Protein backbone atom coordinates (compact mmCIF):
# COMPACT_ATOMS: atom_id res chain seq x y z
CA UNK A 1 -18.25 7.40 3.78
CA UNK A 2 -17.62 6.70 1.46
CA UNK A 3 -16.43 6.26 -0.08
CA UNK A 4 -17.97 3.93 -1.23
CA UNK A 5 -18.75 3.25 -7.16
CA UNK A 6 -15.34 2.36 -7.57
CA UNK A 7 -14.67 6.29 -8.59
CA UNK A 8 -13.66 7.23 -4.70
CA UNK A 9 -13.12 3.43 -3.49
CA UNK A 10 -15.96 2.94 -1.22
CA UNK A 11 -18.69 5.69 -2.47
CA UNK A 12 -21.15 3.49 -1.83
CA UNK A 13 -25.00 3.09 -1.02
CA UNK A 14 -28.19 1.64 -2.39
CA UNK A 15 -27.99 0.46 -5.42
CA UNK A 16 -30.12 -1.49 -8.25
CA UNK A 17 -32.94 -3.30 -6.61
CA UNK A 18 -32.42 -5.94 -8.95
CA UNK A 19 -28.92 -6.41 -8.78
CA UNK A 20 -29.06 -6.56 -5.04
CA UNK A 21 -31.45 -9.17 -5.07
CA UNK A 22 -29.89 -11.66 -7.41
CA UNK A 23 -26.77 -11.27 -5.52
CA UNK A 24 -28.57 -11.75 -2.23
CA UNK A 25 -30.24 -14.70 -3.39
CA UNK A 26 -26.44 -16.10 -4.62
CA UNK A 27 -25.29 -15.36 -0.63
CA UNK A 28 -28.36 -17.31 0.43
CA UNK A 29 -27.93 -20.67 -1.81
CA UNK A 30 -24.26 -20.94 -0.93
CA UNK A 31 -25.15 -20.84 2.46
CA UNK A 32 -27.76 -23.34 2.28
CA UNK A 33 -25.37 -25.49 0.18
CA UNK A 34 -22.67 -25.62 3.10
CA UNK A 35 -22.66 -28.86 4.96
CA UNK A 36 -21.11 -27.91 8.04
CA UNK A 37 -22.14 -23.84 8.42
CA UNK A 38 -18.97 -22.83 10.13
CA UNK A 39 -17.68 -19.16 9.95
CA UNK A 40 -14.24 -19.95 9.46
CA UNK A 41 -12.96 -21.59 6.22
CA UNK A 42 -13.81 -24.81 4.79
CA UNK A 43 -13.09 -28.17 5.61
CA UNK A 44 -10.94 -28.29 2.68
CA UNK A 45 -8.34 -25.28 3.26
CA UNK A 46 -6.45 -27.23 5.84
CA UNK A 47 -5.11 -25.84 9.03
CA UNK A 48 -1.80 -23.67 9.77
CA UNK A 49 0.69 -26.31 9.85
CA UNK A 50 2.03 -26.09 7.27
CA UNK A 51 -1.20 -27.69 4.99
CA UNK A 52 -2.89 -26.12 2.41
CA UNK A 53 -4.71 -22.75 3.54
CA UNK A 54 -7.26 -20.53 1.46
CA UNK A 55 -6.97 -17.36 3.32
CA UNK A 56 -11.03 -15.76 2.31
CA UNK A 57 -10.65 -11.82 1.84
CA UNK A 58 -13.65 -9.45 1.61
CA UNK A 59 -14.72 -6.01 0.46
CA UNK A 60 -16.51 -4.10 -1.72
CA UNK A 61 -14.81 -2.97 -4.73
CA UNK A 62 -12.21 -0.19 -3.92
CA UNK A 63 -11.53 0.30 -7.96
CA UNK A 64 -9.47 -1.60 -10.21
CA UNK A 65 -6.17 0.38 -9.60
CA UNK A 66 -6.65 0.15 -5.94
CA UNK A 67 -7.28 -4.02 -7.00
CA UNK A 68 -4.13 -4.31 -8.50
CA UNK A 69 -2.58 -3.82 -5.67
CA UNK A 70 -4.25 -6.07 -3.59
CA UNK A 71 -3.63 -8.58 -6.69
CA UNK A 72 -0.02 -7.32 -6.19
CA UNK A 73 -0.02 -8.32 -2.51
CA UNK A 74 -1.45 -12.01 -2.95
CA UNK A 75 1.19 -12.62 -5.76
CA UNK A 76 3.69 -11.72 -2.77
CA UNK A 77 2.07 -13.21 -0.01
CA UNK A 78 1.75 -16.58 -1.81
CA UNK A 79 5.05 -16.79 -2.99
CA UNK A 80 6.19 -16.73 0.48
CA UNK A 81 3.88 -18.84 1.88
CA UNK A 82 3.32 -21.88 -0.75
CA UNK A 83 0.78 -23.86 1.25
CA UNK A 84 -1.48 -20.38 1.26
CA UNK A 85 -4.25 -19.40 -1.59
CA UNK A 86 -5.68 -15.99 -1.11
CA UNK A 87 -9.23 -15.53 -2.57
CA UNK A 88 -10.73 -12.46 -2.64
CA UNK A 89 -14.52 -11.42 -2.48
CA UNK A 90 -14.97 -7.51 -4.28
CA UNK A 91 -18.54 -6.75 -4.11
CA UNK A 92 -20.63 -3.85 -5.07
CA UNK A 93 -20.00 -1.63 -2.72
CA UNK A 94 -23.54 -0.94 -2.17
CA UNK A 95 -24.58 -4.40 -1.61
CA UNK A 96 -21.54 -4.94 0.93
CA UNK A 97 -22.35 -1.89 3.36
CA UNK A 98 -26.09 -2.72 3.67
CA UNK A 99 -26.83 -7.10 3.92
CA UNK A 100 -23.58 -8.35 1.47
CA UNK A 101 -21.11 -8.56 4.94
CA UNK A 102 -23.60 -9.96 7.48
CA UNK A 103 -24.88 -12.82 4.69
CA UNK A 104 -21.10 -13.44 3.68
CA UNK A 105 -20.44 -13.59 7.63
CA UNK A 106 -23.04 -15.60 8.78
CA UNK A 107 -22.42 -17.65 5.23
CA UNK A 108 -21.05 -21.34 5.05
CA UNK A 109 -17.42 -20.01 3.41
CA UNK A 110 -17.24 -16.41 5.84
CA UNK A 111 -14.29 -14.29 5.21
CA UNK A 112 -11.39 -14.55 7.45
CA UNK A 113 -10.57 -11.10 6.82
CA UNK A 114 -12.97 -8.34 5.94
CA UNK A 115 -12.78 -4.79 5.04
CA UNK A 116 -15.23 -2.26 7.42
CA UNK A 117 -15.62 1.22 8.59
CA UNK A 118 -14.13 1.90 12.37
CA UNK A 119 -17.34 3.25 15.17
CA UNK A 120 -20.61 2.13 15.20
CA UNK A 121 -20.19 -0.35 12.81
CA UNK A 122 -17.09 -1.71 14.00
CA UNK A 123 -18.85 -1.75 17.59
CA UNK A 124 -21.35 -3.96 15.68
CA UNK A 125 -19.85 -6.67 14.59
CA UNK A 126 -17.40 -6.97 17.80
CA UNK A 127 -20.77 -7.67 19.68
CA UNK A 128 -21.59 -10.22 17.27
CA UNK A 129 -18.24 -11.86 17.78
CA UNK A 130 -17.11 -11.50 14.55
CA UNK A 131 -13.97 -9.53 15.71
CA UNK A 132 -10.55 -11.03 16.84
CA UNK A 133 -8.09 -9.35 19.23
CA UNK A 134 -4.90 -8.33 17.31
CA UNK A 135 -3.36 -6.63 20.22
CA UNK A 136 -0.46 -8.72 20.62
CA UNK A 137 0.62 -8.59 17.00
CA UNK A 138 0.06 -4.52 17.52
CA UNK A 139 2.23 -4.83 20.46
CA UNK A 140 4.78 -6.84 19.81
CA UNK A 141 4.84 -7.90 16.07
CA UNK A 142 5.90 -5.77 12.64
CA UNK A 143 2.23 -4.91 11.92
CA UNK A 144 2.42 -2.37 15.11
CA UNK A 145 5.63 -0.77 13.43
CA UNK A 146 3.88 0.22 10.65
CA UNK A 147 1.11 2.72 12.35
CA UNK A 148 1.58 5.76 14.72
CA UNK A 149 -1.04 5.76 17.71
CA UNK A 150 -3.36 7.96 16.53
CA UNK A 151 -4.30 5.66 13.60
CA UNK A 152 -6.19 3.18 15.67
CA UNK A 153 -8.48 5.81 17.07
CA UNK A 154 -12.11 4.43 16.93
CA UNK A 155 -10.91 0.81 16.26
CA UNK A 156 -9.83 -0.25 19.89
CA UNK A 157 -12.72 -1.70 22.12
CA UNK A 158 -12.68 -2.90 25.76
CA UNK A 159 -8.93 -1.74 25.59
CA UNK A 160 -7.94 -4.09 22.59
CA UNK A 161 -6.80 -3.68 19.04
CA UNK A 162 -9.60 -4.84 16.59
CA UNK A 163 -8.99 -3.36 13.68
CA UNK A 164 -5.84 -3.47 11.31
CA UNK A 165 -5.88 0.65 9.89
CA UNK A 166 -6.33 1.14 6.39
CA UNK A 167 -7.67 4.12 4.68
CA UNK A 168 -8.67 7.51 5.94
CA UNK A 169 -11.56 9.59 3.75
CA UNK A 170 -12.38 13.37 4.33
CA UNK A 171 -16.16 12.84 3.22
CA UNK A 172 -17.31 15.74 2.03
CA UNK A 173 -15.23 19.34 1.80
CA UNK A 174 -16.23 22.38 -0.46
CA UNK A 175 -14.14 21.68 -3.95
CA UNK A 176 -14.33 24.61 -5.87
CA UNK A 177 -13.19 25.51 -9.63
CA UNK A 178 -9.92 28.10 -9.02
CA UNK A 179 -10.32 29.73 -12.57
CA UNK A 180 -14.23 30.61 -12.27
CA UNK A 181 -13.25 32.25 -8.64
CA UNK A 182 -10.35 34.26 -10.02
CA UNK A 183 -12.92 35.22 -13.03
CA UNK A 184 -15.17 36.65 -10.62
CA UNK A 185 -12.76 38.09 -7.93
CA UNK A 186 -13.86 36.02 -5.24
CA UNK A 187 -11.43 34.70 -2.57
CA UNK A 188 -12.14 31.31 -0.44
CA UNK A 189 -14.79 31.79 1.81
CA UNK A 190 -13.93 31.41 5.64
CA UNK A 191 -17.36 32.34 6.80
CA UNK A 192 -20.61 30.98 6.23
CA UNK A 193 -22.13 34.17 4.94
CA UNK A 194 -18.97 34.75 2.80
CA UNK A 195 -19.94 31.39 1.44
CA UNK A 196 -23.47 32.53 0.50
CA UNK A 197 -22.34 35.67 -0.51
CA UNK A 198 -19.84 34.28 -3.10
CA UNK A 199 -22.56 31.95 -4.37
CA UNK A 200 -24.93 34.41 -5.24
CA UNK A 201 -22.41 36.22 -6.89
CA UNK A 202 -21.54 33.14 -8.74
CA UNK A 203 -25.38 32.76 -9.88
CA UNK A 204 -25.29 36.53 -11.27
CA UNK A 205 -22.78 35.40 -13.64
CA UNK A 206 -25.01 32.35 -14.94
CA UNK A 207 -23.11 29.64 -13.53
CA UNK A 208 -24.56 27.09 -10.75
CA UNK A 209 -22.82 27.76 -7.42
CA UNK A 210 -22.89 24.17 -5.49
CA UNK A 211 -23.91 21.31 -7.91
CA UNK A 212 -24.47 18.05 -5.93
CA UNK A 213 -26.19 14.79 -7.15
CA UNK A 214 -28.82 13.53 -4.22
CA UNK A 215 -30.22 10.43 -6.07
CA UNK A 216 -29.08 8.35 -3.72
CA UNK A 217 -29.52 10.81 -0.52
CA UNK A 218 -25.73 10.29 1.21
CA UNK A 219 -24.02 12.98 -1.18
CA UNK A 220 -26.21 15.29 0.68
CA UNK A 221 -26.77 13.22 3.75
CA UNK A 222 -23.18 14.41 4.55
CA UNK A 223 -22.39 17.39 3.95
CA UNK A 224 -26.00 18.04 5.56
CA UNK A 225 -24.75 16.51 8.28
CA UNK A 226 -21.55 18.07 8.75
CA UNK A 227 -23.24 21.41 8.58
CA UNK A 228 -26.34 19.85 10.99
CA UNK A 229 -22.97 18.93 13.37
CA UNK A 230 -21.47 22.41 13.43
CA UNK A 231 -24.50 24.20 14.30
CA UNK A 232 -25.84 21.94 17.22
CA UNK A 233 -22.78 20.60 18.28
CA UNK A 234 -21.07 17.03 18.37
CA UNK A 235 -22.84 16.15 21.27
CA UNK A 236 -26.20 16.75 20.27
CA UNK A 237 -25.16 15.47 16.77
CA UNK A 238 -24.38 11.89 18.58
CA UNK A 239 -27.28 11.99 21.13
CA UNK A 240 -29.58 12.47 18.22
CA UNK A 241 -28.21 9.60 15.89
CA UNK A 242 -27.97 7.31 18.94
CA UNK A 243 -31.41 8.38 19.44
CA UNK A 244 -31.21 9.50 22.72
CA UNK A 245 -32.79 12.98 21.47
CA UNK A 246 -35.51 12.56 18.38
CA UNK A 247 -34.85 13.75 15.09
CA UNK A 248 -37.41 16.22 15.90
CA UNK A 249 -35.87 17.90 18.44
CA UNK A 250 -36.45 21.96 18.79
CA UNK A 251 -32.60 22.15 18.54
CA UNK A 252 -31.77 20.08 15.81
CA UNK A 253 -35.28 21.83 13.85
CA UNK A 254 -33.32 24.73 14.25
CA UNK A 255 -30.24 23.69 13.28
CA UNK A 256 -31.63 22.72 9.67
CA UNK A 257 -31.89 26.53 8.88
CA UNK A 258 -28.92 26.17 7.66
CA UNK A 259 -30.48 24.47 5.02
CA UNK A 260 -33.46 26.42 4.46
CA UNK A 261 -30.95 29.07 3.67
CA UNK A 262 -28.99 26.85 1.02
CA UNK A 263 -32.57 26.06 -0.66
CA UNK A 264 -34.27 29.18 -0.14
CA UNK A 265 -30.87 31.42 -1.77
CA UNK A 266 -31.52 28.90 -5.08
CA UNK A 267 -27.56 28.39 -4.39
CA UNK A 268 -27.79 24.50 -4.90
CA UNK A 269 -28.57 22.92 -8.53
CA UNK A 270 -32.37 22.60 -8.67
CA UNK A 271 -31.86 18.83 -10.36
CA UNK A 272 -29.84 17.81 -7.25
CA UNK A 273 -32.09 15.20 -5.94
CA UNK A 274 -33.00 13.95 -9.40
CA UNK A 275 -29.63 13.06 -10.09
CA UNK A 276 -26.72 11.35 -8.86
CA UNK A 277 -23.60 11.62 -7.33
CA UNK A 278 -21.72 10.98 -10.98
CA UNK A 279 -23.61 13.31 -12.71
CA UNK A 280 -22.96 16.02 -9.91
CA UNK A 281 -19.70 15.77 -10.19
CA UNK A 282 -20.34 16.26 -14.25
CA UNK A 283 -21.46 19.33 -13.67
CA UNK A 284 -18.38 20.43 -12.01
CA UNK A 285 -15.88 18.77 -14.32
CA UNK A 286 -17.29 20.32 -16.91
CA UNK A 287 -17.44 24.34 -15.81
CA UNK A 288 -20.85 24.17 -15.67
CA UNK A 289 -21.00 24.65 -11.80
CA UNK A 290 -18.51 26.43 -9.51
CA UNK A 291 -18.47 24.38 -6.50
CA UNK A 292 -19.22 20.53 -5.43
CA UNK A 293 -19.39 19.22 -2.06
CA UNK A 294 -18.18 15.36 -2.23
CA UNK A 295 -14.89 13.67 -0.42
CA UNK A 296 -11.03 12.97 -0.79
CA UNK A 297 -11.82 10.76 -3.69
CA UNK A 298 -12.39 13.58 -5.90
CA UNK A 299 -9.12 14.05 -6.27
CA UNK A 300 -8.29 10.74 -8.68
CA UNK A 301 -11.77 11.15 -10.39
CA UNK A 302 -10.78 14.46 -11.54
CA UNK A 303 -7.31 14.18 -12.60
CA UNK A 304 -8.71 11.17 -14.28
CA UNK A 305 -12.21 12.25 -15.62
CA UNK A 306 -11.29 15.87 -15.97
CA UNK A 307 -7.38 16.47 -16.39
CA UNK A 308 -7.79 20.25 -17.64
CA UNK A 309 -9.62 21.42 -14.39
CA UNK A 310 -8.02 23.59 -12.20
CA UNK A 311 -9.99 22.94 -8.70
CA UNK A 312 -9.28 22.83 -5.29
CA UNK A 313 -11.08 22.53 -1.86
CA UNK A 314 -11.89 24.67 1.16
CA UNK A 315 -13.09 22.81 4.14
CA UNK A 316 -16.70 23.96 5.30
CA UNK A 317 -16.47 27.36 6.42
CA UNK A 318 -17.51 28.49 10.30
CA UNK A 319 -20.98 29.48 11.04
CA UNK A 320 -22.37 30.54 14.51
CA UNK A 321 -23.43 27.32 16.09
CA UNK A 322 -22.27 25.15 18.98
CA UNK A 323 -20.20 22.84 17.00
CA UNK A 324 -16.11 22.63 16.92
CA UNK A 325 -16.02 25.00 13.46
CA UNK A 326 -12.73 23.61 12.43
CA UNK A 327 -14.34 19.97 12.47
CA UNK A 328 -13.99 17.62 9.44
CA UNK A 329 -16.73 14.90 8.77
CA UNK A 330 -13.99 11.93 7.85
CA UNK A 331 -14.34 8.02 8.12
CA UNK A 332 -11.40 5.69 9.05
CA UNK A 333 -11.40 2.15 7.34
CA UNK A 334 -9.87 -0.80 7.95
CA UNK A 335 -9.30 -4.49 7.74
CA UNK A 336 -11.10 -7.23 10.42
CA UNK A 337 -9.30 -10.72 11.05
CA UNK A 338 -12.95 -12.99 11.70
CA UNK A 339 -12.40 -14.13 15.30
CA UNK A 340 -14.27 -17.82 14.12
CA UNK A 341 -11.43 -17.76 11.50
CA UNK A 342 -9.15 -20.92 11.86
CA UNK A 343 -6.46 -18.87 10.22
CA UNK A 344 -6.11 -15.71 12.19
CA UNK A 345 -2.33 -15.96 12.36
CA UNK A 346 -2.35 -16.23 8.76
CA UNK A 347 -4.84 -13.52 9.10
CA UNK A 348 -2.68 -11.09 10.46
CA UNK A 349 0.45 -12.13 8.19
CA UNK A 350 -0.95 -11.09 5.36
CA UNK A 351 -2.28 -7.66 6.81
CA UNK A 352 1.22 -7.18 7.82
CA UNK A 353 2.55 -7.95 4.33
CA UNK A 354 -0.50 -5.35 2.69
CA UNK A 355 0.45 -2.60 5.52
CA UNK A 356 3.91 -2.55 4.54
CA UNK A 357 5.93 0.38 3.02
CA UNK A 358 6.05 -1.10 -0.61
CA UNK A 359 2.14 -1.69 -0.57
CA UNK A 360 1.27 1.31 1.39
CA UNK A 361 3.46 2.90 -1.35
CA UNK A 362 1.09 1.43 -4.35
CA UNK A 363 -2.28 2.46 -2.68
CA UNK A 364 -0.85 6.03 -2.55
CA UNK A 365 -0.20 5.65 -6.49
CA UNK A 366 -3.71 4.04 -6.52
CA UNK A 367 -5.27 7.05 -5.44
CA UNK A 368 -5.72 5.80 -1.90
CA UNK A 369 -5.25 7.80 1.78
CA UNK A 370 -3.50 4.78 4.09
CA UNK A 371 -3.24 5.57 7.37
CA UNK A 372 0.29 4.17 7.42
CA UNK A 373 3.11 5.68 9.07
CA UNK A 374 5.01 6.95 6.23
CA UNK A 375 2.33 8.03 3.90
CA UNK A 376 2.50 11.77 4.29
CA UNK A 377 5.95 11.79 3.32
CA UNK A 378 5.58 10.51 -0.07
CA UNK A 379 7.09 12.87 -2.69
CA UNK A 380 4.71 11.93 -5.32
CA UNK A 381 1.41 12.17 -3.44
CA UNK A 382 -1.11 14.64 -5.17
CA UNK A 383 -0.65 17.96 -2.71
CA UNK A 384 -4.85 18.44 -2.30
CA UNK A 385 -4.22 14.70 -1.08
CA UNK A 386 -2.08 15.69 1.18
CA UNK A 387 -3.46 18.47 2.53
CA UNK A 388 -6.66 17.02 3.41
CA UNK A 389 -4.64 14.29 5.16
CA UNK A 390 -3.17 17.22 7.32
CA UNK A 391 -5.82 18.90 7.86
CA UNK A 392 -7.72 15.70 8.97
CA UNK A 393 -5.15 14.72 11.39
CA UNK A 394 -5.52 18.39 12.69
CA UNK A 395 -9.01 18.82 12.89
CA UNK A 396 -10.60 20.11 16.38
CA UNK A 397 -12.91 17.56 16.13
CA UNK A 398 -13.99 14.86 13.39
CA UNK A 399 -17.47 13.97 12.66
CA UNK A 400 -18.60 10.88 11.53
CA UNK A 401 -21.32 10.40 8.88
CA UNK A 402 -24.12 9.29 10.09
CA UNK A 403 -24.41 6.20 7.88
CA UNK A 404 -21.04 4.77 8.90
CA UNK A 405 -20.66 6.00 12.26
CA UNK A 406 -24.30 5.18 13.20
CA UNK A 407 -27.37 2.58 12.90
CA UNK A 408 -27.72 2.99 8.90
CA UNK A 409 -31.86 2.83 9.80
CA UNK A 410 -30.68 6.63 11.63
CA UNK A 411 -29.36 7.90 9.00
CA UNK A 412 -31.51 6.77 5.78
CA UNK A 413 -34.12 8.99 7.77
CA UNK A 414 -32.26 11.46 8.44
CA UNK A 415 -30.81 11.64 4.96
CA UNK A 416 -34.30 11.93 3.48
CA UNK A 417 -35.69 14.19 5.69
CA UNK A 418 -32.38 16.55 4.44
CA UNK A 419 -33.04 16.28 1.55
CA UNK A 420 -36.58 16.93 1.29
CA UNK A 421 -35.55 20.49 3.14
CA UNK A 422 -33.37 20.90 0.34
CA UNK A 423 -36.05 20.54 -1.79
CA UNK A 424 -37.88 22.75 -0.64
CA UNK A 425 -40.82 19.88 -0.45
CA UNK A 426 -40.77 20.41 3.48
CA UNK A 427 -40.24 22.30 6.63
CA UNK A 428 -37.64 21.19 9.01
CA UNK A 429 -39.96 20.37 11.48
CA UNK A 430 -41.95 18.52 8.98
CA UNK A 431 -39.16 16.41 7.56
CA UNK A 432 -37.74 15.64 11.00
CA UNK A 433 -40.57 14.49 12.52
CA UNK A 434 -42.11 12.21 9.43
CA UNK A 435 -38.42 10.90 9.59
CA UNK A 436 -38.27 9.98 13.58
CA UNK A 437 -42.11 8.58 13.10
CA UNK A 438 -40.22 6.22 10.67
CA UNK A 439 -38.13 4.80 13.48
CA UNK A 440 -41.19 4.39 15.75
CA UNK A 441 -41.14 7.44 17.92
């Protein structure tokens, strides 16, 4: 999801508890110190009639390169609007996704603009009253000219445009070492069985076939959940994650058989659940592993960390299952104007500037994958990034990652079960029964 460490812009999950506790206490203290508890801008920020305005923008840290783009937008907007001051709050990704954003929205200095994932999370913010209707700006303003209609998928609620599209990330594909595949005479697999056979050939050459670091559960969680969606079908997947059927339903247990096969063939590194995503990627970067399942952010990460690596990707191969066999697991993100902000018009104007070709171009250069029109037409975009974006747009189905598209507690329970099955600790029946019990049923 994502993506959200700064290596991928949105690479996220649960960080060090001590650091989170310190930040939470700071947020609580700030909220308690507010004199009026207003969810909009504070009393010193003035109004939109020419008086001083402080526009607060919050998000998980997108990394230094993309922060530089946001800073450039701030300079440009403030130059054109001398009464406005932009204040950014770049939080630790793990904190922001879990408890950071809710604390900010309910605090005394709530953001006027904030980053969010499309789908269930956006729906929750809408239900809580923190989402402004920006339909008029999309239909009648300059903002709407920067996006095709498809960019708003998952961003329209009750017929209202409620999010400015940001980036789109494919959250898991299989990256592979082109040189290793060539040396072993391997072709890119198009079916699950071909992938297993290729992996066994790689293993026989004393190379780790598939490396992943799953200490924080989300890397395998995204990959295994995509596999599961292919096996049981998107409709059943959706019902499972919405708890309309239990996690240990017979069809879900059966679908987890593909994860059992990964474990029994020994083609995934034994250390998978003991190392983090950075360490898993390093095995791939160093040529110690032939494949690595992770998201689209790996392109800029690999170019920086392993500039000599000859790598490419393939989507999850087709398997025997109920799902759409060219589906892509992906997440769309964007920026929400807080309905409780005193400066909604200013917020829309700022997001309009940021969505313009000037800053869209800078985001591409910084490794982002903007949904704005024209991002695919740039000559300087990496061919693999371009291919990923095109694959996502042409996919037969887009599958939402459990931890960004659905309730986080359900996602956590499923991820823990998938990790146990991959690690050979539990059978699918055992792991999923425990996972469902965590959810109270």
